[in-house]
Amino acid sequence: MKIDFSLGDAEKLPFENGTFDVVINRHLLWTLPQPKVALKEWVRVLNPGGKVIIIDGIWNRAGALSKVRRLLGNCLVALIEGRNPWKGHGRYEKAIQKELPFMGGANPNDIMQLMESAGLTKVCVEPLNKVVEAQKKGMPLRYRLIFNYQRYIVTGIKPK
């Protein structure tokens, strides 16, 4: 099997229609200003019967418990590591945040809806709970508290 990796603008791909059998991305969709445009592009470059695979997550979970967990974990980082965990890491300027409809991550149901509206069929979501659990096993408590993410994979097929 020959595999080629290519780079390009996710919202304006430099490829002909029906070029690929699979379009896959990881932790990308939430960073795009126009996720609907990107999905339509991914479908355009797929061969009929091809598959779109999106691996993403909800990075800033709402809810009081999640916020308390992050606060406690960050306080532990400050105490144990002697650094400011709120400075720098993962922060976007407010102007950029306003341009990202899925800033902080997207609900997998919203992604499924986007994929269906882009013409994909057999759209399904699978939580990646085992991956999250495996990652957390090697983390100190402070990071297990902070990294309270929901990760998932969503797939869809371009009709033949």
Protein backbone atom coordinates (compact mmCIF):
# COMPACT_ATOMS: atom_id res chain seq x y z
CA MET A 1 0.00 0.00 0.00
CA LYS A 2 1.32 3.43 -0.94
CA ILE A 3 0.37 6.35 1.29
CA ASP A 4 0.98 9.97 0.38
CA PHE A 5 0.67 12.77 2.93
CA SER A 6 -0.12 16.25 1.64
CA LEU A 7 -0.48 19.66 3.23
CA GLY A 8 -2.93 22.31 2.16
CA ASP A 9 -5.47 24.89 3.28
CA ALA A 10 -8.29 22.82 4.83
CA GLU A 11 -10.88 25.26 3.50
CA LYS A 12 -9.47 25.47 -0.04
CA LEU A 13 -7.67 22.27 -0.96
CA PRO A 14 -5.26 22.29 -3.92
CA PHE A 15 -6.56 18.97 -5.29
CA GLU A 16 -8.88 17.84 -8.07
CA ASN A 17 -12.33 16.44 -7.38
CA GLY A 18 -12.30 12.77 -6.40
CA THR A 19 -8.58 12.57 -5.63
CA PHE A 20 -8.61 10.65 -2.33
CA ASP A 21 -10.14 7.56 -0.77
CA VAL A 22 -9.82 8.96 2.77
CA VAL A 23 -9.61 12.43 4.30
CA ILE A 24 -8.54 12.31 7.94
CA ASN A 25 -7.81 15.01 10.45
CA ARG A 26 -7.07 15.18 14.15
CA HIS A 27 -7.88 18.11 16.43
CA LEU A 28 -8.39 20.38 13.43
CA LEU A 29 -12.07 21.14 12.91
CA TRP A 30 -12.44 23.27 16.03
CA THR A 31 -9.55 25.51 14.86
CA LEU A 32 -11.16 26.45 11.54
CA PRO A 33 -13.01 29.73 10.92
CA GLN A 34 -15.28 28.03 8.35
CA PRO A 35 -15.78 24.37 9.30
CA LYS A 36 -18.73 23.98 6.89
CA VAL A 37 -16.57 25.14 3.99
CA ALA A 38 -13.79 22.76 5.01
CA LEU A 39 -16.16 19.78 5.18
CA LYS A 40 -17.55 20.54 1.73
CA GLU A 41 -13.97 20.67 0.43
CA TRP A 42 -13.12 17.34 2.02
CA VAL A 43 -16.17 15.75 0.42
CA ARG A 44 -15.27 17.33 -2.94
CA VAL A 45 -11.81 15.75 -3.02
CA LEU A 46 -13.10 12.31 -1.99
CA ASN A 47 -13.77 9.53 -4.45
CA PRO A 48 -17.33 8.17 -4.35
CA GLY A 49 -17.42 5.66 -1.49
CA GLY A 50 -14.54 7.49 0.23
CA LYS A 51 -14.48 8.22 3.94
CA VAL A 52 -14.02 11.36 6.03
CA ILE A 53 -12.55 10.67 9.49
CA ILE A 54 -12.59 13.43 12.09
CA ILE A 55 -10.84 12.94 15.42
CA ASP A 56 -11.62 15.79 17.77
CA GLY A 57 -12.90 16.67 21.20
CA ILE A 58 -14.46 19.08 23.61
CA TRP A 59 -11.52 20.82 25.25
CA ASN A 60 -13.25 23.32 27.50
CA ARG A 61 -16.08 21.38 29.04
CA ALA A 62 -18.78 23.47 30.65
CA GLY A 63 -20.24 22.73 34.03
CA ALA A 64 -19.28 23.56 37.58
CA LEU A 65 -17.55 20.24 38.29
CA SER A 66 -15.27 20.55 35.23
CA LYS A 67 -14.36 24.12 36.16
CA VAL A 68 -13.60 23.14 39.76
CA ARG A 69 -11.44 20.22 38.55
CA ARG A 70 -9.42 22.51 36.25
CA LEU A 71 -9.04 25.14 38.97
CA LEU A 72 -7.86 22.57 41.52
CA GLY A 73 -5.46 20.95 39.03
CA ASN A 74 -4.02 24.32 38.01
CA CYS A 75 -3.57 25.32 41.66
CA LEU A 76 -1.66 22.08 42.25
CA VAL A 77 0.53 22.80 39.20
CA ALA A 78 1.31 26.26 40.62
CA LEU A 79 2.16 24.84 44.05
CA ILE A 80 4.13 21.77 42.95
CA GLU A 81 5.86 23.11 39.84
CA GLY A 82 6.19 26.76 40.89
CA ARG A 83 4.86 28.09 37.59
CA ASN A 84 1.76 29.95 36.44
CA PRO A 85 -0.41 27.41 34.57
CA TRP A 86 -2.84 30.11 33.42
CA LYS A 87 -0.18 31.96 31.43
CA GLY A 88 0.33 31.23 27.75
CA HIS A 89 -0.57 27.60 27.13
CA GLY A 90 -3.55 27.12 24.82
CA ARG A 91 -4.65 30.74 24.94
CA TYR A 92 -5.97 32.52 21.87
CA GLU A 93 -6.47 36.23 21.47
CA LYS A 94 -10.13 37.26 21.83
CA ALA A 95 -10.22 38.44 18.19
CA ILE A 96 -9.20 34.95 17.05
CA GLN A 97 -11.64 33.25 19.42
CA LYS A 98 -14.52 35.20 17.86
CA GLU A 99 -13.61 33.80 14.43
CA LEU A 100 -13.74 30.15 15.53
CA PRO A 101 -17.28 28.76 15.76
CA PHE A 102 -16.07 25.65 17.60
CA MET A 103 -13.58 27.40 19.90
CA GLY A 104 -12.93 25.04 22.81
CA GLY A 105 -14.15 22.02 20.89
CA ALA A 106 -17.32 20.86 19.20
CA ASN A 107 -20.09 18.61 20.40
CA PRO A 108 -19.88 15.38 18.35
CA ASN A 109 -23.58 15.70 17.48
CA ASP A 110 -22.85 19.08 15.86
CA ILE A 111 -20.06 17.47 13.82
CA MET A 112 -22.39 14.67 12.72
CA GLN A 113 -24.94 17.26 11.58
CA LEU A 114 -22.27 19.17 9.63
CA MET A 115 -21.12 15.98 7.94
CA GLU A 116 -24.65 15.03 6.94
CA SER A 117 -25.32 18.54 5.59
CA ALA A 118 -22.11 18.21 3.52
CA GLY A 119 -23.61 15.13 1.84
CA LEU A 120 -21.95 12.33 3.80
CA THR A 121 -23.89 9.19 4.69
CA LYS A 122 -23.51 6.47 7.33
CA VAL A 123 -22.28 9.16 9.70
CA CYS A 124 -21.45 7.78 13.13
CA VAL A 125 -19.59 8.83 16.26
CA GLU A 126 -17.48 6.74 18.59
CA PRO A 127 -16.21 8.04 21.93
CA LEU A 128 -12.49 7.58 22.54
CA ASN A 129 -12.87 6.91 26.26
CA LYS A 130 -10.23 4.15 26.30
CA VAL A 131 -7.68 6.49 24.71
CA VAL A 132 -8.40 9.17 27.31
CA GLU A 133 -8.14 6.61 30.14
CA ALA A 134 -4.82 5.29 28.80
CA GLN A 135 -3.40 8.82 28.57
CA LYS A 136 -4.48 9.68 32.10
CA LYS A 137 -2.91 6.55 33.63
CA GLY A 138 0.59 7.97 33.27
CA MET A 139 -0.30 11.48 34.44
CA PRO A 140 0.18 12.93 37.91
CA LEU A 141 -3.07 13.77 39.73
CA ARG A 142 -2.80 17.49 38.96
CA TYR A 143 -2.87 16.80 35.21
CA ARG A 144 -5.61 14.17 35.46
CA LEU A 145 -7.75 16.87 37.07
CA ILE A 146 -6.98 19.44 34.37
CA PHE A 147 -7.31 17.18 31.33
CA ASN A 148 -11.01 16.50 31.58
CA TYR A 149 -11.61 16.22 27.84
CA GLN A 150 -14.21 14.38 25.82
CA ARG A 151 -12.56 12.90 22.72
CA TYR A 152 -14.31 11.19 19.84
CA ILE A 153 -14.05 10.04 16.25
CA VAL A 154 -16.75 10.80 13.67
CA THR A 155 -16.82 9.08 10.28
CA GLY A 156 -18.93 9.47 7.17
CA ILE A 157 -19.02 8.05 3.64
CA LYS A 158 -19.37 9.93 0.34
CA PRO A 159 -22.21 8.29 -1.61
CA LYS A 160 -21.30 6.32 -4.75
